[in-house]
C-alpha atoms as a PDB file:
ATOM      1  CA  MET A   1      86.449 114.874  95.322  1.00  0.00           C
ATOM      2  CA  ARG A   2      84.835 116.040  98.558  1.00  0.00           C
ATOM      3  CA  ASP A   3      84.142 112.495  99.744  1.00  0.00           C
ATOM      4  CA  ILE A   4      87.721 111.476  98.942  1.00  0.00           C
ATOM      5  CA  ARG A   5      89.054 114.430 100.954  1.00  0.00           C
ATOM      6  CA  THR A   6      86.735 113.483 103.826  1.00  0.00           C
ATOM      7  CA  GLU A   7      88.039 109.918 103.743  1.00  0.00           C
ATOM      8  CA  ALA A   8      91.635 111.157 103.557  1.00  0.00           C
ATOM      9  CA  ARG A   9      91.209 113.206 106.734  1.00  0.00           C
ATOM     10  CA  LYS A  10      90.327 110.009 108.607  1.00  0.00           C
ATOM     11  CA  HIS A  11      93.736 108.538 107.839  1.00  0.00           C
ATOM     12  CA  LEU A  12      95.868 111.673 107.893  1.00  0.00           C
ATOM     13  CA  GLY A  13      96.772 111.346 111.564  1.00  0.00           C
ATOM     14  CA  PHE A  14      97.950 107.736 111.365  1.00  0.00           C
ATOM     15  CA  PHE A  15     100.095 108.136 108.269  1.00  0.00           C
ATOM     16  CA  SER A  16     101.477 111.462 109.509  1.00  0.00           C
ATOM     17  CA  VAL A  17     102.656 109.795 112.713  1.00  0.00           C
ATOM     18  CA  CYS A  18     104.284 107.003 110.695  1.00  0.00           C
ATOM     19  CA  ALA A  19     106.054 109.516 108.452  1.00  0.00           C
ATOM     20  CA  VAL A  20     107.252 111.564 111.441  1.00  0.00           C
ATOM     21  CA  VAL A  21     108.616 108.432 113.138  1.00  0.00           C
ATOM     22  CA  LEU A  22     110.576 107.476 110.029  1.00  0.00           C
ATOM     23  CA  ALA A  23     111.831 110.998 109.337  1.00  0.00           C
ATOM     24  CA  ALA A  24     112.881 111.587 112.955  1.00  0.00           C
ATOM     25  CA  THR A  25     114.658 108.238 113.161  1.00  0.00           C
ATOM     26  CA  LEU A  26     116.465 108.887 109.889  1.00  0.00           C
ATOM     27  CA  LEU A  27     117.488 112.365 111.032  1.00  0.00           C
ATOM     28  CA  LEU A  28     118.878 111.028 114.304  1.00  0.00           C
ATOM     29  CA  ARG A  29     120.770 108.352 112.397  1.00  0.00           C
ATOM     30  CA  GLU A  30     122.443 110.982 110.238  1.00  0.00           C
ATOM     31  CA  LEU A  31     123.174 113.448 113.060  1.00  0.00           C
ATOM     32  CA  LEU A  32     124.432 111.123 115.791  1.00  0.00           C
ATOM     33  CA  GLU A  33     127.486 109.765 114.018  1.00  0.00           C
ATOM     34  CA  SER A  34     129.141 108.686 117.257  1.00  0.00           C
ATOM     35  CA  TYR A  35     126.152 106.462 118.062  1.00  0.00           C
ATOM     36  CA  ARG A  36     125.763 105.031 114.568  1.00  0.00           C
ATOM     37  CA  SER A  37     125.610 101.409 115.745  1.00  0.00           C
ATOM     38  CA  VAL A  38     122.657 102.233 117.995  1.00  0.00           C
ATOM     39  CA  THR A  39     120.820 104.513 115.570  1.00  0.00           C
ATOM     40  CA  GLU A  40     121.104 101.964 112.760  1.00  0.00           C
ATOM     41  CA  VAL A  41     119.381  99.352 114.927  1.00  0.00           C
ATOM     42  CA  VAL A  42     116.663 101.861 115.800  1.00  0.00           C
ATOM     43  CA  TRP A  43     116.243 102.779 112.130  1.00  0.00           C
ATOM     44  CA  VAL A  44     115.858  99.150 111.052  1.00  0.00           C
ATOM     45  CA  PHE A  45     113.343  98.524 113.834  1.00  0.00           C
ATOM     46  CA  ALA A  46     111.378 101.655 112.887  1.00  0.00           C
ATOM     47  CA  VAL A  47     111.201 100.639 109.217  1.00  0.00           C
ATOM     48  CA  ILE A  48     109.997  97.127 110.052  1.00  0.00           C
ATOM     49  CA  LEU A  49     107.462  98.386 112.583  1.00  0.00           C
ATOM     50  CA  VAL A  50     106.042 101.118 110.341  1.00  0.00           C
ATOM     51  CA  SER A  51     105.911  98.865 107.267  1.00  0.00           C
ATOM     52  CA  ALA A  52     104.011  96.178 109.157  1.00  0.00           C
ATOM     53  CA  ALA A  53     101.699  98.725 110.782  1.00  0.00           C
ATOM     54  CA  THR A  54     100.779 100.471 107.529  1.00  0.00           C
ATOM     55  CA  THR A  55     100.146  97.183 105.717  1.00  0.00           C
ATOM     56  CA  PHE A  56      97.904  95.991 108.544  1.00  0.00           C
ATOM     57  CA  TYR A  57      96.138  99.358 108.653  1.00  0.00           C
ATOM     58  CA  VAL A  58      95.271  99.301 104.952  1.00  0.00           C
ATOM     59  CA  GLY A  59      94.150  95.680 105.042  1.00  0.00           C
ATOM     60  CA  ALA A  60      92.072  96.188 108.177  1.00  0.00           C
ATOM     61  CA  HIS A  61      90.184  99.157 106.759  1.00  0.00           C
ATOM     62  CA  VAL A  62      89.316  97.310 103.554  1.00  0.00           C
ATOM     63  CA  PHE A  63      88.217  94.282 105.609  1.00  0.00           C
ATOM     64  CA  ILE A  64      86.017  96.415 107.845  1.00  0.00           C
ATOM     65  CA  PHE A  65      84.382  98.115 104.880  1.00  0.00           C
ATOM     66  CA  LEU A  66      83.773  95.147 102.581  1.00  0.00           C
ATOM     67  CA  VAL A  67      83.388  92.232 104.984  1.00  0.00           C
ATOM     68  CA  LEU A  68      82.038  93.813 108.164  1.00  0.00           C
ATOM     69  CA  LYS A  69      80.055  96.447 106.235  1.00  0.00           C
ATOM     70  CA  GLY A  70      81.533  99.384 108.116  1.00  0.00           C
ATOM     71  CA  ASP A  71      81.280 103.054 107.083  1.00  0.00           C
ATOM     72  CA  ILE A  72      77.503 103.037 106.769  1.00  0.00           C
ATOM     73  CA  LEU A  73      77.293 106.375 104.957  1.00  0.00           C
ATOM     74  CA  LEU A  74      79.491 105.159 102.111  1.00  0.00           C
ATOM     75  CA  GLN A  75      77.744 101.781 102.071  1.00  0.00           C
ATOM     76  CA  LEU A  76      74.331 103.432 101.644  1.00  0.00           C
ATOM     77  CA  SER A  77      75.503 106.033  99.143  1.00  0.00           C
ATOM     78  CA  THR A  78      74.418 105.914  95.517  1.00  0.00           C
ATOM     79  CA  HIS A  79      78.036 105.750  94.342  1.00  0.00           C
ATOM     80  CA  SER A  80      78.936 103.051  91.848  1.00  0.00           C
ATOM     81  CA  PRO A  81      81.177 100.185  93.059  1.00  0.00           C
ATOM     82  CA  LEU A  82      84.101 101.805  91.224  1.00  0.00           C
ATOM     83  CA  ARG A  83      83.490 105.116  92.963  1.00  0.00           C
ATOM     84  CA  LYS A  84      83.330 103.387  96.345  1.00  0.00           C
ATOM     85  CA  LEU A  85      86.613 101.632  95.553  1.00  0.00           C
ATOM     86  CA  LEU A  86      88.307 104.935  94.754  1.00  0.00           C
ATOM     87  CA  VAL A  87      86.867 106.766  97.762  1.00  0.00           C
ATOM     88  CA  LYS A  88      87.924 104.047 100.182  1.00  0.00           C
ATOM     89  CA  THR A  89      91.310 103.073  98.779  1.00  0.00           C
ATOM     90  CA  LEU A  90      92.877 106.180  97.220  1.00  0.00           C
ATOM     91  CA  PRO A  91      93.666 107.808 100.605  1.00  0.00           C
ATOM     92  CA  LEU A  92      94.888 104.479 101.999  1.00  0.00           C
ATOM     93  CA  ALA A  93      97.126 103.789  99.002  1.00  0.00           C
ATOM     94  CA  THR A  94      98.502 107.337  99.069  1.00  0.00           C
ATOM     95  CA  GLY A  95      99.425 107.143 102.747  1.00  0.00           C
ATOM     96  CA  PHE A  96     100.924 103.676 102.370  1.00  0.00           C
ATOM     97  CA  CYS A  97     102.978 104.827  99.397  1.00  0.00           C
ATOM     98  CA  ALA A  98     104.203 108.020 101.075  1.00  0.00           C
ATOM     99  CA  THR A  99     105.598 106.188 104.094  1.00  0.00           C
ATOM    100  CA  GLY A 100     107.093 103.501 101.868  1.00  0.00           C
ATOM    101  CA  LEU A 101     108.888 106.020  99.673  1.00  0.00           C
ATOM    102  CA  ILE A 102     110.637 107.492 102.724  1.00  0.00           C
ATOM    103  CA  THR A 103     112.261 104.155 103.530  1.00  0.00           C
ATOM    104  CA  LEU A 104     112.934 103.354  99.871  1.00  0.00           C
ATOM    105  CA  LEU A 105     114.722 106.627  99.108  1.00  0.00           C
ATOM    106  CA  ALA A 106     116.718 106.395 102.338  1.00  0.00           C
ATOM    107  CA  TYR A 107     117.840 102.891 101.372  1.00  0.00           C
ATOM    108  CA  ALA A 108     118.646 104.032  97.808  1.00  0.00           C
ATOM    109  CA  THR A 109     121.502 106.166  99.166  1.00  0.00           C
ATOM    110  CA  THR A 110     123.418 102.917  99.765  1.00  0.00           C
ATOM    111  CA  TRP A 111     123.116 101.731  96.163  1.00  0.00           C
ATOM    112  CA  PRO A 112     126.109 101.658  93.794  1.00  0.00           C
ATOM    113  CA  GLU A 113     126.710 104.934  91.969  1.00  0.00           C
ATOM    114  CA  GLN A 114     126.725 103.327  88.535  1.00  0.00           C
ATOM    115  CA  GLY A 115     123.184 103.092  87.201  1.00  0.00           C
ATOM    116  CA  ARG A 116     121.639 104.506  90.378  1.00  0.00           C
ATOM    117  CA  ALA A 117     119.352 106.989  88.612  1.00  0.00           C
ATOM    118  CA  GLY A 118     117.683 104.292  86.519  1.00  0.00           C
ATOM    119  CA  ALA A 119     117.387 101.954  89.472  1.00  0.00           C
ATOM    120  CA  VAL A 120     115.788 104.660  91.620  1.00  0.00           C
ATOM    121  CA  ALA A 121     113.313 105.544  88.862  1.00  0.00           C
ATOM    122  CA  TYR A 122     112.354 101.886  88.546  1.00  0.00           C
ATOM    123  CA  ALA A 123     112.108 101.420  92.316  1.00  0.00           C
ATOM    124  CA  VAL A 124     109.769 104.393  92.715  1.00  0.00           C
ATOM    125  CA  CYS A 125     107.497 103.075  89.954  1.00  0.00           C
ATOM    126  CA  ALA A 126     107.620  99.597  91.473  1.00  0.00           C
ATOM    127  CA  LYS A 127     106.714 101.000  94.886  1.00  0.00           C
ATOM    128  CA  LEU A 128     103.737 102.876  93.450  1.00  0.00           C
ATOM    129  CA  ALA A 129     102.575  99.702  91.715  1.00  0.00           C
ATOM    130  CA  SER A 130     103.006  97.686  94.918  1.00  0.00           C
ATOM    131  CA  CYS A 131     100.758 100.109  96.806  1.00  0.00           C
ATOM    132  CA  ALA A 132      98.075  99.748  94.148  1.00  0.00           C
ATOM    133  CA  ALA A 133      98.566  95.970  94.186  1.00  0.00           C
ATOM    134  CA  LEU A 134      98.030  95.865  97.959  1.00  0.00           C
ATOM    135  CA  VAL A 135      94.663  97.632  97.820  1.00  0.00           C
ATOM    136  CA  SER A 136      93.692  95.595  94.734  1.00  0.00           C
ATOM    137  CA  LEU A 137      94.473  92.294  96.447  1.00  0.00           C
ATOM    138  CA  ALA A 138      92.716  93.411  99.609  1.00  0.00           C
ATOM    139  CA  TRP A 139      89.634  94.508  97.669  1.00  0.00           C
ATOM    140  CA  LEU A 140      89.432  91.264  95.680  1.00  0.00           C
ATOM    141  CA  LEU A 141      89.762  89.155  98.819  1.00  0.00           C
ATOM    142  CA  GLY A 142      87.263  91.359 100.633  1.00  0.00           C
ATOM    143  CA  LEU A 143      84.713  90.779  97.867  1.00  0.00           C
ATOM    144  CA  ALA A 144      85.349  87.031  98.072  1.00  0.00           C
ATOM    145  CA  ALA A 145      85.122  86.886 101.876  1.00  0.00           C
ATOM    146  CA  ALA A 146      82.032  89.092 102.110  1.00  0.00           C
ATOM    147  CA  GLY A 147      79.802  86.327 100.758  1.00  0.00           C
ATOM    148  CA  LEU A 148      80.836  83.822 103.428  1.00  0.00           C
ATOM    149  CA  ARG A 149      79.271  83.170 106.821  1.00  0.00           C
ATOM    150  CA  GLY A 150      81.161  83.358 110.085  1.00  0.00           C
ATOM    151  CA  PHE A 151      83.702  85.958 111.113  1.00  0.00           C
ATOM    152  CA  TYR A 152      86.656  83.600 111.443  1.00  0.00           C
ATOM    153  CA  LEU A 153      86.015  81.928 108.097  1.00  0.00           C
ATOM    154  CA  ARG A 154      85.923  85.354 106.476  1.00  0.00           C
ATOM    155  CA  LEU A 155      89.120  86.353 108.255  1.00  0.00           C
ATOM    156  CA  LEU A 156      90.814  83.121 107.181  1.00  0.00           C
ATOM    157  CA  VAL A 157      89.875  83.636 103.541  1.00  0.00           C
ATOM    158  CA  TYR A 158      90.917  87.284 103.658  1.00  0.00           C
ATOM    159  CA  ALA A 159      94.231  87.029 105.519  1.00  0.00           C
ATOM    160  CA  GLY A 160      95.140  83.561 104.286  1.00  0.00           C
ATOM    161  CA  GLY A 161      94.266  84.519 100.741  1.00  0.00           C
ATOM    162  CA  LEU A 162      96.622  87.484 100.893  1.00  0.00           C
ATOM    163  CA  VAL A 163      99.485  85.241 102.024  1.00  0.00           C
ATOM    164  CA  VAL A 164      98.738  82.671  99.321  1.00  0.00           C
ATOM    165  CA  LEU A 165      98.425  85.204  96.482  1.00  0.00           C
ATOM    166  CA  VAL A 166     101.610  87.028  97.454  1.00  0.00           C
ATOM    167  CA  GLY A 167     103.407  83.687  97.740  1.00  0.00           C
ATOM    168  CA  LEU A 168     102.169  82.553  94.335  1.00  0.00           C
ATOM    169  CA  GLN A 169     103.292  85.821  92.770  1.00  0.00           C
ATOM    170  CA  ALA A 170     106.749  85.447  94.291  1.00  0.00           C
ATOM    171  CA  ALA A 171     106.953  81.823  93.124  1.00  0.00           C
ATOM    172  CA  ALA A 172     105.899  82.798  89.592  1.00  0.00           C
ATOM    173  CA  VAL A 173     108.586  85.482  89.342  1.00  0.00           C
ATOM    174  CA  TRP A 174     111.189  83.223  90.936  1.00  0.00           C
ATOM    175  CA  SER A 175     110.635  80.354  88.509  1.00  0.00           C
ATOM    176  CA  THR A 176     110.086  82.460  85.364  1.00  0.00           C
ATOM    177  CA  ALA A 177     113.140  84.658  85.937  1.00  0.00           C
ATOM    178  CA  GLY A 178     115.323  81.703  86.918  1.00  0.00           C
ATOM    179  CA  LEU A 179     116.321  83.006  90.347  1.00  0.00           C
ATOM    180  CA  GLU A 180     117.243  79.652  91.871  1.00  0.00           C
ATOM    181  CA  GLY A 181     120.348  80.128  93.997  1.00  0.00           C
ATOM    182  CA  THR A 182     120.048  83.927  93.942  1.00  0.00           C
ATOM    183  CA  GLY A 183     120.786  85.769  97.176  1.00  0.00           C
ATOM    184  CA  TRP A 184     117.906  87.750  98.630  1.00  0.00           C
ATOM    185  CA  ALA A 185     116.899  89.613 101.783  1.00  0.00           C
ATOM    186  CA  VAL A 186     113.589  90.735 103.285  1.00  0.00           C
ATOM    187  CA  GLY A 187     113.233  93.679 105.629  1.00  0.00           C
ATOM    188  CA  ALA A 188     115.124  96.833 106.415  1.00  0.00           C
ATOM    189  CA  SER A 189     118.858  97.304 106.069  1.00  0.00           C
ATOM    190  CA  THR A 190     121.394 100.076 106.504  1.00  0.00           C
ATOM    191  CA  SER A 191     123.669  98.757 103.773  1.00  0.00           C
ATOM    192  CA  TYR A 192     123.274  97.646 100.180  1.00  0.00           C
ATOM    193  CA  THR A 193     121.773  94.138  99.947  1.00  0.00           C
ATOM    194  CA  GLY A 194     120.372  94.323  96.416  1.00  0.00           C
ATOM    195  CA  TYR A 195     117.706  96.142  94.454  1.00  0.00           C
ATOM    196  CA  PRO A 196     114.091  95.734  95.577  1.00  0.00           C
ATOM    197  CA  VAL A 197     111.298  93.892  93.827  1.00  0.00           C
ATOM    198  CA  TYR A 198     107.751  93.864  95.154  1.00  0.00           C
ATOM    199  CA  TYR A 199     105.354  90.956  95.339  1.00  0.00           C
ATOM    200  CA  GLY A 200     102.219  92.872  96.233  1.00  0.00           C
ATOM    201  CA  PRO A 201     103.155  94.684  99.453  1.00  0.00           C
ATOM    202  CA  LEU A 202     106.154  92.417 100.143  1.00  0.00           C
ATOM    203  CA  GLY A 203     109.509  93.962  99.290  1.00  0.00           C
ATOM    204  CA  VAL A 204     112.479  91.668  98.606  1.00  0.00           C
ATOM    205  CA  CYS A 205     116.022  92.791  97.826  1.00  0.00           C
ATOM    206  CA  LEU A 206     117.607  90.629  95.129  1.00  0.00           C
ATOM    207  CA  GLY A 207     121.329  90.191  94.835  1.00  0.00           C
ATOM    208  CA  THR A 208     121.227  90.380  91.030  1.00  0.00           C
ATOM    209  CA  PRO A 209     122.197  93.258  88.716  1.00  0.00           C
ATOM    210  CA  PHE A 210     119.394  95.650  87.845  1.00  0.00           C
ATOM    211  CA  THR A 211     118.025  95.033  84.366  1.00  0.00           C
ATOM    212  CA  THR A 212     115.006  96.078  82.320  1.00  0.00           C
ATOM    213  CA  ASP A 213     114.892  92.750  80.497  1.00  0.00           C
ATOM    214  CA  SER A 214     111.239  91.753  80.024  1.00  0.00           C
ATOM    215  CA  THR A 215     111.960  88.282  81.406  1.00  0.00           C
ATOM    216  CA  GLY A 216     113.946  89.593  84.367  1.00  0.00           C
ATOM    217  CA  PRO A 217     112.574  89.697  87.920  1.00  0.00           C
ATOM    218  CA  TYR A 218     112.318  93.487  88.101  1.00  0.00           C
ATOM    219  CA  VAL A 219     110.047  93.923  85.094  1.00  0.00           C
ATOM    220  CA  LEU A 220     108.072  90.737  85.801  1.00  0.00           C
ATOM    221  CA  SER A 221     107.224  91.757  89.357  1.00  0.00           C
ATOM    222  CA  LEU A 222     106.166  95.213  88.172  1.00  0.00           C
ATOM    223  CA  VAL A 223     103.919  93.753  85.459  1.00  0.00           C
ATOM    224  CA  LEU A 224     102.256  91.322  87.877  1.00  0.00           C
ATOM    225  CA  ASN A 225     101.478  94.117  90.316  1.00  0.00           C
ATOM    226  CA  ILE A 226      99.900  96.121  87.504  1.00  0.00           C
ATOM    227  CA  LEU A 227      97.899  93.044  86.479  1.00  0.00           C
ATOM    228  CA  TRP A 228      96.394  92.848  89.976  1.00  0.00           C
ATOM    229  CA  MET A 229      95.050  96.364  89.460  1.00  0.00           C
ATOM    230  CA  GLY A 230      93.458  95.289  86.191  1.00  0.00           C
ATOM    231  CA  VAL A 231      91.886  92.199  87.746  1.00  0.00           C
ATOM    232  CA  CYS A 232      90.481  94.294  90.584  1.00  0.00           C
ATOM    233  CA  LEU A 233      88.966  96.848  88.205  1.00  0.00           C
ATOM    234  CA  LEU A 234      87.496  94.019  86.136  1.00  0.00           C
ATOM    235  CA  ALA A 235      85.910  92.456  89.229  1.00  0.00           C
ATOM    236  CA  VAL A 236      84.485  95.796  90.347  1.00  0.00           C
ATOM    237  CA  GLY A 237      83.097  96.454  86.872  1.00  0.00           C
ATOM    238  CA  LEU A 238      81.499  93.012  86.808  1.00  0.00           C
ATOM    239  CA  SER A 239      79.893  93.521  90.219  1.00  0.00           C
ATOM    240  CA  SER A 240      78.590  96.898  89.066  1.00  0.00           C
ATOM    241  CA  ARG A 241      77.011  95.338  85.984  1.00  0.00           C
ATOM    242  CA  LEU A 242      75.422  92.556  88.046  1.00  0.00           C
ATOM    243  CA  ARG A 243      74.037  95.118  90.475  1.00  0.00           C
ATOM    244  CA  ARG A 244      72.473  97.149  87.662  1.00  0.00           C
ATOM    245  CA  ARG A 245      71.005  94.022  86.107  1.00  0.00           C
ATOM    246  CA  GLY A 246      69.507  93.003  89.440  1.00  0.00           C
ATOM    247  CA  ALA A 247      68.039  96.470  89.930  1.00  0.00           C
ATOM    248  CA  VAL A 248      66.443  96.357  86.471  1.00  0.00           C
ATOM    249  CA  ARG A 249      64.877  92.965  87.151  1.00  0.00           C
ATOM    250  CA  LEU A 250      63.571  94.134  90.513  1.00  0.00           C
ATOM    251  CA  HIS A 251      62.049  97.223  88.919  1.00  0.00           C
ATOM    252  CA  ALA A 252      60.479  95.165  86.123  1.00  0.00           C
ATOM    253  CA  SER A 253      58.882  92.753  88.577  1.00  0.00           C
END
């Protein structure tokens, strides 16, 4: 736990600033009723800016660690690959989730009263899963890009891969749940535009009634995000086994 706390202290300042920006902007929006048109614009801008910044921050730190081999002490430690994954990503996922929940719960106040409790419970779980999906996708792509030569090729595989995988996940949910012709919106809003679903880190508000149907978009998107976590853990476990096998062969020779 000590190494996780040490890693968390590295990111505490950044995520604290993001949380303060969101909380202060939300407070001003609620207090300055006479300037509501201005404060709503500021709130939307703050949500978009913070969301983009936190996503980039998480992705950049995983890229630096896996691809550029940063954080030498953790690289040279005797921790297993799974332990390194947890040490590096748990603080990042926690900070990303905390800032995201501020915007989510603020937006939830605009939702219809009927069925709000269930929708909020789902949305919180979906947000938690999306945070885990982000670090899982980033870790998988980092492992794939680390074996390539050339910085820009690695960056292309890493960043381009994230766009492609998120897009494929959205397309899979869209086609499976039959959402053709459904209204949707991406980004912040100060009014109800639908309930959110998450494709990895990407949040999309769907103009469809909330449902827990297993073939509906809300459950499907949640399941796919959880699957990314499983795939990531499987890849880390496989790399750990290959590393142990290589160490045994080296020792035997």
